[in-house]
């Protein structure tokens, strides 16, 4: 899969106090970059905790659910667009359908 953009992840884990997100986010990136998903079931096979939240958006639990990652997946195109990365609390304050 092609991921747009790594910079959002990097900016997040380089923020003071969020350095512990680096390893799990980089691991997520590596797995997704090597994947060739065509369906949600294929994605779920790689990430058991991923949930579909509507409007082509999926949420991943990162680092034991301390962080959340919301992406838009275009299976036909093979693209993953990072829309949000933040703490679980920050995730609870956003509207995933509009990000």
PDB file of N, CA and C in Angstrom:
ATOM      1  N   UNK A   1       0.862  -1.181   0.000  1.00  0.00           N
ATOM      2  CA  UNK A   1       0.000   0.000   0.000  1.00  0.00           C
ATOM      3  C   UNK A   1       0.898   1.230   0.000  1.00  0.00           C
ATOM      4  N   UNK A   2       0.382   2.259  -0.583  1.00  0.00           N
ATOM      5  CA  UNK A   2       1.097   3.532  -0.588  1.00  0.00           C
ATOM      6  C   UNK A   2       0.490   4.420   0.507  1.00  0.00           C
ATOM      7  N   UNK A   3       1.342   4.949   1.383  1.00  0.00           N
ATOM      8  CA  UNK A   3       0.875   5.703   2.536  1.00  0.00           C
ATOM      9  C   UNK A   3       1.160   7.192   2.357  1.00  0.00           C
ATOM     10  N   UNK A   4       0.131   7.998   2.579  1.00  0.00           N
ATOM     11  CA  UNK A   4       0.244   9.455   2.501  1.00  0.00           C
ATOM     12  C   UNK A   4      -0.195   9.999   3.855  1.00  0.00           C
ATOM     13  N   UNK A   5       0.591  10.563   4.674  1.00  0.00           N
ATOM     14  CA  UNK A   5       1.999  10.821   4.558  1.00  0.00           C
ATOM     15  C   UNK A   5       2.700  10.406   5.849  1.00  0.00           C
ATOM     16  N   UNK A   6       3.934  10.003   5.720  1.00  0.00           N
ATOM     17  CA  UNK A   6       4.739   9.582   6.868  1.00  0.00           C
ATOM     18  C   UNK A   6       5.017  10.759   7.807  1.00  0.00           C
ATOM     19  N   UNK A   7       5.056  11.966   7.265  1.00  0.00           N
ATOM     20  CA  UNK A   7       5.369  13.156   8.054  1.00  0.00           C
ATOM     21  C   UNK A   7       4.407  13.329   9.236  1.00  0.00           C
ATOM     22  N   UNK A   8       3.138  13.005   9.058  1.00  0.00           N
ATOM     23  CA  UNK A   8       2.182  13.135  10.169  1.00  0.00           C
ATOM     24  C   UNK A   8       2.568  12.232  11.328  1.00  0.00           C
ATOM     25  N   UNK A   9       3.014  11.026  11.020  1.00  0.00           N
ATOM     26  CA  UNK A   9       3.441  10.118  12.076  1.00  0.00           C
ATOM     27  C   UNK A   9       4.696  10.647  12.751  1.00  0.00           C
ATOM     28  N   UNK A  10       5.647  11.076  11.942  1.00  0.00           N
ATOM     29  CA  UNK A  10       6.914  11.578  12.467  1.00  0.00           C
ATOM     30  C   UNK A  10       6.689  12.803  13.351  1.00  0.00           C
ATOM     31  N   UNK A  11       5.883  13.733  12.885  1.00  0.00           N
ATOM     32  CA  UNK A  11       5.584  14.925  13.684  1.00  0.00           C
ATOM     33  C   UNK A  11       4.970  14.539  15.030  1.00  0.00           C
ATOM     34  N   UNK A  12       4.130  13.513  15.012  1.00  0.00           N
ATOM     35  CA  UNK A  12       3.487  13.085  16.253  1.00  0.00           C
ATOM     36  C   UNK A  12       4.497  12.497  17.221  1.00  0.00           C
ATOM     37  N   UNK A  13       5.287  11.511  16.776  1.00  0.00           N
ATOM     38  CA  UNK A  13       6.173  10.854  17.741  1.00  0.00           C
ATOM     39  C   UNK A  13       7.413  11.658  18.078  1.00  0.00           C
ATOM     40  N   UNK A  14       7.643  12.763  17.379  1.00  0.00           N
ATOM     41  CA  UNK A  14       8.730  13.659  17.760  1.00  0.00           C
ATOM     42  C   UNK A  14       8.261  14.751  18.717  1.00  0.00           C
ATOM     43  N   UNK A  15       6.980  14.773  19.028  1.00  0.00           N
ATOM     44  CA  UNK A  15       6.430  15.719  19.997  1.00  0.00           C
ATOM     45  C   UNK A  15       6.835  15.276  21.399  1.00  0.00           C
ATOM     46  N   UNK A  16       7.361  16.192  22.209  1.00  0.00           N
ATOM     47  CA  UNK A  16       7.740  15.818  23.575  1.00  0.00           C
ATOM     48  C   UNK A  16       6.592  15.150  24.322  1.00  0.00           C
ATOM     49  N   UNK A  17       6.905  14.041  24.978  1.00  0.00           N
ATOM     50  CA  UNK A  17       5.909  13.292  25.722  1.00  0.00           C
ATOM     51  C   UNK A  17       5.249  12.184  24.924  1.00  0.00           C
ATOM     52  N   UNK A  18       5.521  12.138  23.622  1.00  0.00           N
ATOM     53  CA  UNK A  18       4.899  11.120  22.771  1.00  0.00           C
ATOM     54  C   UNK A  18       5.938  10.240  22.076  1.00  0.00           C
ATOM     55  N   UNK A  19       7.162  10.312  22.584  1.00  0.00           N
ATOM     56  CA  UNK A  19       8.251   9.560  21.977  1.00  0.00           C
ATOM     57  C   UNK A  19       8.011   8.055  22.013  1.00  0.00           C
ATOM     58  N   UNK A  20       7.212   7.590  22.984  1.00  0.00           N
ATOM     59  CA  UNK A  20       6.935   6.160  23.086  1.00  0.00           C
ATOM     60  C   UNK A  20       6.074   5.638  21.935  1.00  0.00           C
ATOM     61  N   UNK A  21       5.529   6.524  21.131  1.00  0.00           N
ATOM     62  CA  UNK A  21       4.725   6.120  19.977  1.00  0.00           C
ATOM     63  C   UNK A  21       5.591   5.788  18.759  1.00  0.00           C
ATOM     64  N   UNK A  22       6.866   6.139  18.799  1.00  0.00           N
ATOM     65  CA  UNK A  22       7.733   5.961  17.632  1.00  0.00           C
ATOM     66  C   UNK A  22       7.785   4.516  17.135  1.00  0.00           C
ATOM     67  N   UNK A  23       8.152   3.600  18.003  1.00  0.00           N
ATOM     68  CA  UNK A  23       8.318   2.206  17.584  1.00  0.00           C
ATOM     69  C   UNK A  23       7.002   1.611  17.070  1.00  0.00           C
ATOM     70  N   UNK A  24       5.885   1.727  17.799  1.00  0.00           N
ATOM     71  CA  UNK A  24       4.650   1.137  17.267  1.00  0.00           C
ATOM     72  C   UNK A  24       4.157   1.805  15.977  1.00  0.00           C
ATOM     73  N   UNK A  25       4.328   3.113  15.843  1.00  0.00           N
ATOM     74  CA  UNK A  25       3.900   3.780  14.610  1.00  0.00           C
ATOM     75  C   UNK A  25       4.790   3.406  13.431  1.00  0.00           C
ATOM     76  N   UNK A  26       6.081   3.305  13.665  1.00  0.00           N
ATOM     77  CA  UNK A  26       6.983   2.908  12.579  1.00  0.00           C
ATOM     78  C   UNK A  26       6.720   1.459  12.175  1.00  0.00           C
ATOM     79  N   UNK A  27       6.410   0.611  13.145  1.00  0.00           N
ATOM     80  CA  UNK A  27       6.077  -0.784  12.831  1.00  0.00           C
ATOM     81  C   UNK A  27       4.794  -0.845  12.027  1.00  0.00           C
ATOM     82  N   UNK A  28       3.778  -0.060  12.411  1.00  0.00           N
ATOM     83  CA  UNK A  28       2.534   0.014  11.650  1.00  0.00           C
ATOM     84  C   UNK A  28       2.839   0.430  10.208  1.00  0.00           C
ATOM     85  N   UNK A  29       3.663   1.446  10.064  1.00  0.00           N
ATOM     86  CA  UNK A  29       4.011   1.953   8.734  1.00  0.00           C
ATOM     87  C   UNK A  29       4.657   0.857   7.878  1.00  0.00           C
ATOM     88  N   UNK A  30       5.597   0.134   8.443  1.00  0.00           N
ATOM     89  CA  UNK A  30       6.291  -0.929   7.704  1.00  0.00           C
ATOM     90  C   UNK A  30       5.327  -2.018   7.246  1.00  0.00           C
ATOM     91  N   UNK A  31       4.446  -2.435   8.136  1.00  0.00           N
ATOM     92  CA  UNK A  31       3.482  -3.489   7.798  1.00  0.00           C
ATOM     93  C   UNK A  31       2.559  -3.028   6.678  1.00  0.00           C
ATOM     94  N   UNK A  32       2.035  -1.808   6.804  1.00  0.00           N
ATOM     95  CA  UNK A  32       1.093  -1.292   5.806  1.00  0.00           C
ATOM     96  C   UNK A  32       1.790  -1.078   4.471  1.00  0.00           C
ATOM     97  N   UNK A  33       2.988  -0.573   4.497  1.00  0.00           N
ATOM     98  CA  UNK A  33       3.732  -0.327   3.261  1.00  0.00           C
ATOM     99  C   UNK A  33       3.959  -1.627   2.480  1.00  0.00           C
ATOM    100  N   UNK A  34       4.157  -2.725   3.187  1.00  0.00           N
ATOM    101  CA  UNK A  34       4.381  -4.021   2.546  1.00  0.00           C
ATOM    102  C   UNK A  34       3.085  -4.740   2.171  1.00  0.00           C
ATOM    103  N   UNK A  35       1.963  -4.275   2.691  1.00  0.00           N
ATOM    104  CA  UNK A  35       0.675  -4.944   2.461  1.00  0.00           C
ATOM    105  C   UNK A  35       0.135  -4.666   1.060  1.00  0.00           C
ATOM    106  N   UNK A  36      -0.727  -5.558   0.627  1.00  0.00           N
ATOM    107  CA  UNK A  36      -1.469  -5.376  -0.619  1.00  0.00           C
ATOM    108  C   UNK A  36      -2.929  -5.711  -0.348  1.00  0.00           C
ATOM    109  N   UNK A  37      -3.569  -4.861   0.442  1.00  0.00           N
ATOM    110  CA  UNK A  37      -4.940  -5.109   0.840  1.00  0.00           C
ATOM    111  C   UNK A  37      -5.905  -4.799  -0.284  1.00  0.00           C
ATOM    112  N   UNK A  38      -6.904  -5.680  -0.407  1.00  0.00           N
ATOM    113  CA  UNK A  38      -7.998  -5.443  -1.343  1.00  0.00           C
ATOM    114  C   UNK A  38      -9.340  -5.402  -0.615  1.00  0.00           C
ATOM    115  N   UNK A  39      -9.315  -5.841   0.648  1.00  0.00           N
ATOM    116  CA  UNK A  39     -10.544  -5.884   1.444  1.00  0.00           C
ATOM    117  C   UNK A  39     -10.229  -5.568   2.908  1.00  0.00           C
ATOM    118  N   UNK A  40     -11.282  -5.241   3.629  1.00  0.00           N
ATOM    119  CA  UNK A  40     -11.146  -5.018   5.062  1.00  0.00           C
ATOM    120  C   UNK A  40     -10.680  -6.300   5.765  1.00  0.00           C
ATOM    121  N   UNK A  41     -11.136  -7.452   5.297  1.00  0.00           N
ATOM    122  CA  UNK A  41     -10.733  -8.730   5.911  1.00  0.00           C
ATOM    123  C   UNK A  41      -9.227  -8.925   5.827  1.00  0.00           C
ATOM    124  N   UNK A  42      -8.621  -8.532   4.727  1.00  0.00           N
ATOM    125  CA  UNK A  42      -7.172  -8.638   4.585  1.00  0.00           C
ATOM    126  C   UNK A  42      -6.463  -7.695   5.559  1.00  0.00           C
ATOM    127  N   UNK A  43      -7.003  -6.506   5.707  1.00  0.00           N
ATOM    128  CA  UNK A  43      -6.440  -5.555   6.670  1.00  0.00           C
ATOM    129  C   UNK A  43      -6.572  -6.113   8.083  1.00  0.00           C
ATOM    130  N   UNK A  44      -7.727  -6.676   8.384  1.00  0.00           N
ATOM    131  CA  UNK A  44      -8.003  -7.230   9.710  1.00  0.00           C
ATOM    132  C   UNK A  44      -7.061  -8.400  10.021  1.00  0.00           C
ATOM    133  N   UNK A  45      -6.623  -9.130   8.998  1.00  0.00           N
ATOM    134  CA  UNK A  45      -5.690 -10.231   9.210  1.00  0.00           C
ATOM    135  C   UNK A  45      -4.335  -9.716   9.698  1.00  0.00           C
ATOM    136  N   UNK A  46      -3.949  -8.522   9.258  1.00  0.00           N
ATOM    137  CA  UNK A  46      -2.686  -7.919   9.694  1.00  0.00           C
ATOM    138  C   UNK A  46      -2.827  -7.162  11.013  1.00  0.00           C
ATOM    139  N   UNK A  47      -3.992  -6.571  11.228  1.00  0.00           N
ATOM    140  CA  UNK A  47      -4.242  -5.770  12.432  1.00  0.00           C
ATOM    141  C   UNK A  47      -5.600  -6.159  13.012  1.00  0.00           C
ATOM    142  N   UNK A  48      -5.586  -7.070  13.944  1.00  0.00           N
ATOM    143  CA  UNK A  48      -6.824  -7.580  14.522  1.00  0.00           C
ATOM    144  C   UNK A  48      -7.666  -6.498  15.187  1.00  0.00           C
ATOM    145  N   UNK A  49      -7.032  -5.455  15.705  1.00  0.00           N
ATOM    146  CA  UNK A  49      -7.777  -4.435  16.447  1.00  0.00           C
ATOM    147  C   UNK A  49      -8.305  -3.305  15.571  1.00  0.00           C
ATOM    148  N   UNK A  50      -8.104  -3.343  14.268  1.00  0.00           N
ATOM    149  CA  UNK A  50      -8.594  -2.275  13.400  1.00  0.00           C
ATOM    150  C   UNK A  50     -10.120  -2.339  13.320  1.00  0.00           C
ATOM    151  N   UNK A  51     -10.743  -1.163  13.288  1.00  0.00           N
ATOM    152  CA  UNK A  51     -12.196  -1.076  13.166  1.00  0.00           C
ATOM    153  C   UNK A  51     -12.567  -0.157  12.022  1.00  0.00           C
ATOM    154  N   UNK A  52     -13.617  -0.539  11.301  1.00  0.00           N
ATOM    155  CA  UNK A  52     -14.183   0.313  10.264  1.00  0.00           C
ATOM    156  C   UNK A  52     -15.124   1.289  10.949  1.00  0.00           C
ATOM    157  N   UNK A  53     -14.952   2.588  10.684  1.00  0.00           N
ATOM    158  CA  UNK A  53     -15.780   3.585  11.359  1.00  0.00           C
ATOM    159  C   UNK A  53     -16.652   4.372  10.378  1.00  0.00           C
ATOM    160  N   UNK A  54     -16.696   3.900   9.125  1.00  0.00           N
ATOM    161  CA  UNK A  54     -17.562   4.514   8.126  1.00  0.00           C
ATOM    162  C   UNK A  54     -16.829   5.459   7.202  1.00  0.00           C
ATOM    163  N   UNK A  55     -17.424   5.688   6.043  1.00  0.00           N
ATOM    164  CA  UNK A  55     -16.905   6.647   5.068  1.00  0.00           C
ATOM    165  C   UNK A  55     -15.443   6.362   4.679  1.00  0.00           C
ATOM    166  N   UNK A  56     -15.131   5.082   4.464  1.00  0.00           N
ATOM    167  CA  UNK A  56     -13.800   4.620   4.075  1.00  0.00           C
ATOM    168  C   UNK A  56     -12.731   4.891   5.136  1.00  0.00           C
ATOM    169  N   UNK A  57     -13.152   5.101   6.362  1.00  0.00           N
ATOM    170  CA  UNK A  57     -12.215   5.403   7.442  1.00  0.00           C
ATOM    171  C   UNK A  57     -12.082   4.202   8.379  1.00  0.00           C
ATOM    172  N   UNK A  58     -10.847   4.024   8.841  1.00  0.00           N
ATOM    173  CA  UNK A  58     -10.513   2.914   9.722  1.00  0.00           C
ATOM    174  C   UNK A  58      -9.687   3.453  10.877  1.00  0.00           C
ATOM    175  N   UNK A  59      -9.894   2.885  12.052  1.00  0.00           N
ATOM    176  CA  UNK A  59      -9.146   3.322  13.224  1.00  0.00           C
ATOM    177  C   UNK A  59      -8.314   2.161  13.747  1.00  0.00           C
ATOM    178  N   UNK A  60      -7.053   2.466  14.032  1.00  0.00           N
ATOM    179  CA  UNK A  60      -6.105   1.500  14.567  1.00  0.00           C
ATOM    180  C   UNK A  60      -5.761   1.884  15.998  1.00  0.00           C
ATOM    181  N   UNK A  61      -5.706   0.882  16.856  1.00  0.00           N
ATOM    182  CA  UNK A  61      -5.217   1.075  18.212  1.00  0.00           C
ATOM    183  C   UNK A  61      -3.707   0.935  18.175  1.00  0.00           C
ATOM    184  N   UNK A  62      -3.016   1.927  18.702  1.00  0.00           N
ATOM    185  CA  UNK A  62      -1.560   1.948  18.676  1.00  0.00           C
ATOM    186  C   UNK A  62      -1.026   1.942  20.109  1.00  0.00           C
ATOM    187  N   UNK A  63      -0.012   1.161  20.344  1.00  0.00           N
ATOM    188  CA  UNK A  63       0.677   1.105  21.637  1.00  0.00           C
ATOM    189  C   UNK A  63      -0.291   0.777  22.776  1.00  0.00           C
ATOM    190  N   UNK A  64      -0.966  -0.370  22.605  1.00  0.00           N
ATOM    191  CA  UNK A  64      -1.893  -0.808  23.651  1.00  0.00           C
ATOM    192  C   UNK A  64      -3.093   0.093  23.816  1.00  0.00           C
ATOM    193  N   UNK A  65      -3.524   0.719  22.742  1.00  0.00           N
ATOM    194  CA  UNK A  65      -4.681   1.613  22.710  1.00  0.00           C
ATOM    195  C   UNK A  65      -4.423   2.952  23.405  1.00  0.00           C
ATOM    196  N   UNK A  66      -3.157   3.258  23.661  1.00  0.00           N
ATOM    197  CA  UNK A  66      -2.814   4.570  24.211  1.00  0.00           C
ATOM    198  C   UNK A  66      -3.012   5.648  23.154  1.00  0.00           C
ATOM    199  N   UNK A  67      -2.757   5.270  21.906  1.00  0.00           N
ATOM    200  CA  UNK A  67      -2.899   6.193  20.785  1.00  0.00           C
ATOM    201  C   UNK A  67      -3.864   5.616  19.767  1.00  0.00           C
ATOM    202  N   UNK A  68      -4.420   6.512  18.956  1.00  0.00           N
ATOM    203  CA  UNK A  68      -5.333   6.113  17.888  1.00  0.00           C
ATOM    204  C   UNK A  68      -4.835   6.710  16.574  1.00  0.00           C
ATOM    205  N   UNK A  69      -5.028   5.934  15.531  1.00  0.00           N
ATOM    206  CA  UNK A  69      -4.632   6.338  14.184  1.00  0.00           C
ATOM    207  C   UNK A  69      -5.831   6.139  13.271  1.00  0.00           C
ATOM    208  N   UNK A  70      -6.269   7.213  12.623  1.00  0.00           N
ATOM    209  CA  UNK A  70      -7.403   7.141  11.698  1.00  0.00           C
ATOM    210  C   UNK A  70      -6.872   7.345  10.294  1.00  0.00           C
ATOM    211  N   UNK A  71      -7.266   6.430   9.409  1.00  0.00           N
ATOM    212  CA  UNK A  71      -6.821   6.508   8.020  1.00  0.00           C
ATOM    213  C   UNK A  71      -8.015   6.337   7.089  1.00  0.00           C
ATOM    214  N   UNK A  72      -7.853   6.849   5.880  1.00  0.00           N
ATOM    215  CA  UNK A  72      -8.780   6.570   4.789  1.00  0.00           C
ATOM    216  C   UNK A  72      -8.068   5.574   3.893  1.00  0.00           C
ATOM    217  N   UNK A  73      -8.756   4.490   3.556  1.00  0.00           N
ATOM    218  CA  UNK A  73      -8.158   3.470   2.705  1.00  0.00           C
ATOM    219  C   UNK A  73      -8.913   3.413   1.386  1.00  0.00           C
ATOM    220  N   UNK A  74      -8.176   3.549   0.308  1.00  0.00           N
ATOM    221  CA  UNK A  74      -8.705   3.402  -1.049  1.00  0.00           C
ATOM    222  C   UNK A  74      -8.156   2.076  -1.579  1.00  0.00           C
ATOM    223  N   UNK A  75      -8.905   0.996  -1.335  1.00  0.00           N
ATOM    224  CA  UNK A  75      -8.426  -0.334  -1.679  1.00  0.00           C
ATOM    225  C   UNK A  75      -8.115  -0.474  -3.166  1.00  0.00           C
ATOM    226  N   UNK A  76      -8.966   0.045  -4.034  1.00  0.00           N
ATOM    227  CA  UNK A  76      -8.774  -0.101  -5.476  1.00  0.00           C
ATOM    228  C   UNK A  76      -7.492   0.589  -5.930  1.00  0.00           C
ATOM    229  N   UNK A  77      -7.218   1.745  -5.372  1.00  0.00           N
ATOM    230  CA  UNK A  77      -6.018   2.502  -5.739  1.00  0.00           C
ATOM    231  C   UNK A  77      -4.776   2.013  -5.006  1.00  0.00           C
ATOM    232  N   UNK A  78      -4.969   1.350  -3.865  1.00  0.00           N
ATOM    233  CA  UNK A  78      -3.844   0.907  -3.057  1.00  0.00           C
ATOM    234  C   UNK A  78      -3.224   2.024  -2.226  1.00  0.00           C
ATOM    235  N   UNK A  79      -4.053   2.977  -1.817  1.00  0.00           N
ATOM    236  CA  UNK A  79      -3.575   4.126  -1.037  1.00  0.00           C
ATOM    237  C   UNK A  79      -4.164   4.126   0.365  1.00  0.00           C
ATOM    238  N   UNK A  80      -3.337   4.589   1.311  1.00  0.00           N
ATOM    239  CA  UNK A  80      -3.761   4.814   2.687  1.00  0.00           C
ATOM    240  C   UNK A  80      -3.423   6.263   3.022  1.00  0.00           C
ATOM    241  N   UNK A  81      -4.430   7.026   3.398  1.00  0.00           N
ATOM    242  CA  UNK A  81      -4.248   8.440   3.729  1.00  0.00           C
ATOM    243  C   UNK A  81      -4.378   8.608   5.239  1.00  0.00           C
ATOM    244  N   UNK A  82      -3.328   9.055   5.882  1.00  0.00           N
ATOM    245  CA  UNK A  82      -3.361   9.280   7.325  1.00  0.00           C
ATOM    246  C   UNK A  82      -4.141  10.567   7.589  1.00  0.00           C
ATOM    247  N   UNK A  83      -5.219  10.441   8.359  1.00  0.00           N
ATOM    248  CA  UNK A  83      -6.074  11.588   8.637  1.00  0.00           C
ATOM    249  C   UNK A  83      -5.897  12.120  10.050  1.00  0.00           C
ATOM    250  N   UNK A  84      -5.536  11.232  10.990  1.00  0.00           N
ATOM    251  CA  UNK A  84      -5.424  11.657  12.386  1.00  0.00           C
ATOM    252  C   UNK A  84      -4.515  10.692  13.123  1.00  0.00           C
ATOM    253  N   UNK A  85      -3.675  11.237  13.969  1.00  0.00           N
ATOM    254  CA  UNK A  85      -2.923  10.437  14.936  1.00  0.00           C
ATOM    255  C   UNK A  85      -2.926  11.233  16.235  1.00  0.00           C
ATOM    256  N   UNK A  86      -3.302  10.569  17.320  1.00  0.00           N
ATOM    257  CA  UNK A  86      -3.382  11.273  18.593  1.00  0.00           C
ATOM    258  C   UNK A  86      -3.634  10.320  19.734  1.00  0.00           C
ATOM    259  N   UNK A  87      -3.799  10.892  20.894  1.00  0.00           N
ATOM    260  CA  UNK A  87      -4.088  10.087  22.076  1.00  0.00           C
ATOM    261  C   UNK A  87      -5.527   9.594  22.002  1.00  0.00           C
ATOM    262  N   UNK A  88      -5.833   8.644  22.836  1.00  0.00           N
ATOM    263  CA  UNK A  88      -7.199   8.132  22.886  1.00  0.00           C
ATOM    264  C   UNK A  88      -8.162   9.257  23.264  1.00  0.00           C
ATOM    265  N   UNK A  89      -7.750  10.103  24.191  1.00  0.00           N
ATOM    266  CA  UNK A  89      -8.597  11.234  24.620  1.00  0.00           C
ATOM    267  C   UNK A  89      -8.832  12.204  23.464  1.00  0.00           C
ATOM    268  N   UNK A  90      -7.781  12.520  22.701  1.00  0.00           N
ATOM    269  CA  UNK A  90      -7.922  13.417  21.548  1.00  0.00           C
ATOM    270  C   UNK A  90      -8.844  12.806  20.498  1.00  0.00           C
ATOM    271  N   UNK A  91      -8.748  11.512  20.319  1.00  0.00           N
ATOM    272  CA  UNK A  91      -9.607  10.801  19.375  1.00  0.00           C
ATOM    273  C   UNK A  91     -11.070  10.953  19.768  1.00  0.00           C
ATOM    274  N   UNK A  92     -11.354  10.868  21.056  1.00  0.00           N
ATOM    275  CA  UNK A  92     -12.740  10.986  21.532  1.00  0.00           C
ATOM    276  C   UNK A  92     -13.328  12.356  21.250  1.00  0.00           C
ATOM    277  N   UNK A  93     -12.490  13.352  20.990  1.00  0.00           N
ATOM    278  CA  UNK A  93     -12.962  14.727  20.782  1.00  0.00           C
ATOM    279  C   UNK A  93     -13.127  15.104  19.305  1.00  0.00           C
ATOM    280  N   UNK A  94     -12.808  14.184  18.387  1.00  0.00           N
ATOM    281  CA  UNK A  94     -12.908  14.524  16.967  1.00  0.00           C
ATOM    282  C   UNK A  94     -14.100  13.822  16.321  1.00  0.00           C
ATOM    283  N   UNK A  95     -14.488  14.325  15.167  1.00  0.00           N
ATOM    284  CA  UNK A  95     -15.513  13.691  14.360  1.00  0.00           C
ATOM    285  C   UNK A  95     -14.800  12.999  13.200  1.00  0.00           C
ATOM    286  N   UNK A  96     -14.670  11.701  13.295  1.00  0.00           N
ATOM    287  CA  UNK A  96     -13.896  10.950  12.295  1.00  0.00           C
ATOM    288  C   UNK A  96     -14.484  11.041  10.894  1.00  0.00           C
ATOM    289  N   UNK A  97     -15.754  11.316  10.779  1.00  0.00           N
ATOM    290  CA  UNK A  97     -16.362  11.366   9.451  1.00  0.00           C
ATOM    291  C   UNK A  97     -15.990  12.630   8.688  1.00  0.00           C
ATOM    292  N   UNK A  98     -15.433  13.621   9.379  1.00  0.00           N
ATOM    293  CA  UNK A  98     -15.118  14.878   8.695  1.00  0.00           C
ATOM    294  C   UNK A  98     -13.626  15.170   8.593  1.00  0.00           C
ATOM    295  N   UNK A  99     -12.805  14.326   9.184  1.00  0.00           N
ATOM    296  CA  UNK A  99     -11.361  14.593   9.109  1.00  0.00           C
ATOM    297  C   UNK A  99     -10.765  13.989   7.865  1.00  0.00           C
TER     298      UNK A  99
END
